[in-house]
């Protein structure tokens, strides 16, 4: 043949061997919860600034009220993602203990946090007690 045909391999491809579907789902849920939490805190801070700067005038308080509504919506979405998703997963007979339990989500968020904001090799939360001042300064 003029053109060689390449057949795709089965599930042992490089992508699936590095990151399986459940880990990817746990990572996606954790990132969503992390961003929703950050956005809700930012909306609450924005609400507070708008409220303080409005001098209690009605036309200036309306944006502050809308901002706190958005913060409340983000907070509800975050809580629903963390606590209602495992319930829906169990109703669909999925094995949600691996990727949708709140403990797994929070531990994955902590792992993401350590990987983003710490450059040292310390990625376990149990090692925080063993971290001294010199190690912290050297990691920066």
Protein backbone atom coordinates (compact mmCIF):
# COMPACT_ATOMS: atom_id res chain seq x y z
CA UNK A 1 0.00 0.00 0.00
CA UNK A 2 1.03 3.54 -0.55
CA UNK A 3 -0.30 4.74 2.80
CA UNK A 4 0.50 2.75 5.89
CA UNK A 5 -2.45 2.09 8.15
CA UNK A 6 -1.99 2.62 11.85
CA UNK A 7 -4.43 0.94 14.14
CA UNK A 8 -5.27 2.45 17.49
CA UNK A 9 -4.37 0.34 20.43
CA UNK A 10 -6.88 -0.68 23.01
CA UNK A 11 -7.18 0.86 26.49
CA UNK A 12 -3.44 0.45 27.12
CA UNK A 13 -2.66 3.74 25.40
CA UNK A 14 -0.30 6.21 26.97
CA UNK A 15 -3.04 8.59 28.14
CA UNK A 16 -5.11 5.96 29.91
CA UNK A 17 -2.11 4.33 31.52
CA UNK A 18 -1.01 7.64 33.01
CA UNK A 19 -4.41 8.91 34.09
CA UNK A 20 -7.38 6.61 34.31
CA UNK A 21 -10.97 7.78 34.00
CA UNK A 22 -11.71 7.82 37.73
CA UNK A 23 -8.65 9.88 38.56
CA UNK A 24 -9.56 12.30 35.78
CA UNK A 25 -13.11 12.60 37.13
CA UNK A 26 -11.80 13.18 40.67
CA UNK A 27 -9.40 15.82 39.33
CA UNK A 28 -12.18 17.57 37.38
CA UNK A 29 -14.52 17.62 40.38
CA UNK A 30 -11.76 18.87 42.67
CA UNK A 31 -10.75 21.67 40.32
CA UNK A 32 -14.40 22.70 39.91
CA UNK A 33 -14.90 22.78 43.69
CA UNK A 34 -11.67 24.72 44.16
CA UNK A 35 -12.62 27.37 41.57
CA UNK A 36 -16.19 27.63 42.87
CA UNK A 37 -14.91 28.15 46.41
CA UNK A 38 -12.45 30.82 45.30
CA UNK A 39 -15.13 32.59 43.26
CA UNK A 40 -17.58 32.58 46.18
CA UNK A 41 -14.96 34.13 48.47
CA UNK A 42 -14.13 36.75 45.83
CA UNK A 43 -17.81 37.59 45.38
CA UNK A 44 -18.25 37.98 49.14
CA UNK A 45 -15.23 40.31 49.29
CA UNK A 46 -16.58 42.31 46.34
CA UNK A 47 -19.97 42.52 48.05
CA UNK A 48 -18.37 43.85 51.21
CA UNK A 49 -16.41 46.51 49.30
CA UNK A 50 -19.49 47.59 47.34
CA UNK A 51 -21.56 47.74 50.50
CA UNK A 52 -19.02 49.83 52.37
CA UNK A 53 -18.51 52.21 49.45
CA UNK A 54 -22.24 52.65 48.75
CA UNK A 55 -22.88 54.84 51.79
CA UNK A 56 -26.24 53.04 52.09
CA UNK A 57 -27.72 54.73 49.02
CA UNK A 58 -30.33 52.62 47.25
CA UNK A 59 -28.95 52.95 43.72
CA UNK A 60 -25.49 51.91 44.91
CA UNK A 61 -26.67 49.06 47.15
CA UNK A 62 -28.36 47.17 44.26
CA UNK A 63 -25.04 45.99 42.71
CA UNK A 64 -23.93 44.83 46.15
CA UNK A 65 -27.13 42.83 46.60
CA UNK A 66 -26.68 41.22 43.17
CA UNK A 67 -23.10 40.35 44.05
CA UNK A 68 -24.09 38.58 47.26
CA UNK A 69 -26.68 36.63 45.27
CA UNK A 70 -23.93 35.38 42.96
CA UNK A 71 -21.78 34.47 45.94
CA UNK A 72 -24.66 32.50 47.40
CA UNK A 73 -25.19 30.71 44.07
CA UNK A 74 -21.50 29.73 43.89
CA UNK A 75 -21.64 28.52 47.47
CA UNK A 76 -24.72 26.37 46.77
CA UNK A 77 -23.08 24.94 43.64
CA UNK A 78 -19.98 24.05 45.62
CA UNK A 79 -21.89 22.33 48.40
CA UNK A 80 -24.10 20.53 45.90
CA UNK A 81 -21.07 19.29 44.00
CA UNK A 82 -19.36 18.02 47.12
CA UNK A 83 -22.28 16.38 48.89
CA UNK A 84 -25.00 15.65 46.34
CA UNK A 85 -22.83 14.16 43.59
CA UNK A 86 -21.95 11.06 45.69
CA UNK A 87 -25.66 10.50 46.38
CA UNK A 88 -26.52 10.66 42.67
CA UNK A 89 -23.58 8.37 41.90
CA UNK A 90 -24.82 5.76 44.36
CA UNK A 91 -28.32 6.00 42.87
CA UNK A 92 -26.79 5.21 39.46
CA UNK A 93 -24.91 2.25 40.99
CA UNK A 94 -21.50 3.75 40.38
CA UNK A 95 -18.50 3.13 42.58
CA UNK A 96 -18.25 6.67 43.92
CA UNK A 97 -15.98 5.96 46.88
CA UNK A 98 -12.93 6.34 44.65
CA UNK A 99 -13.68 9.71 43.16
CA UNK A 100 -16.75 11.44 44.55
CA UNK A 101 -16.64 11.18 48.32
CA UNK A 102 -16.02 14.50 50.08
CA UNK A 103 -12.89 13.11 51.75
CA UNK A 104 -11.40 12.15 48.38
CA UNK A 105 -12.32 15.53 46.88
CA UNK A 106 -10.75 17.46 49.76
CA UNK A 107 -7.59 15.37 49.71
CA UNK A 108 -7.26 15.92 45.95
CA UNK A 109 -7.78 19.69 46.43
CA UNK A 110 -5.05 19.63 49.08
CA UNK A 111 -2.76 17.75 46.69
CA UNK A 112 -3.44 20.31 43.93
CA UNK A 113 -2.79 23.13 46.39
CA UNK A 114 0.56 21.65 47.40
CA UNK A 115 1.62 21.08 43.80
CA UNK A 116 0.72 24.63 42.75
CA UNK A 117 2.04 26.64 45.69
CA UNK A 118 4.96 24.56 46.99
CA UNK A 119 8.08 23.84 45.02
CA UNK A 120 9.63 21.47 47.52
CA UNK A 121 9.17 17.73 47.43
CA UNK A 122 6.93 17.89 50.52
CA UNK A 123 3.49 17.02 49.21
CA UNK A 124 2.03 15.14 52.13
CA UNK A 125 0.01 17.02 54.72
CA UNK A 126 1.49 14.82 57.46
CA UNK A 127 4.91 16.31 56.72
CA UNK A 128 3.77 19.81 57.74
CA UNK A 129 4.69 19.13 61.35
CA UNK A 130 8.19 18.04 60.28
CA UNK A 131 8.77 21.12 58.12
CA UNK A 132 11.15 23.52 59.77
CA UNK A 133 11.92 27.15 58.96
CA UNK A 134 15.06 26.46 56.91
CA UNK A 135 13.27 23.96 54.67
CA UNK A 136 10.49 26.46 54.12
CA UNK A 137 12.93 29.24 53.16
CA UNK A 138 14.87 26.89 50.87
CA UNK A 139 11.68 25.78 49.13
CA UNK A 140 10.98 29.36 48.08
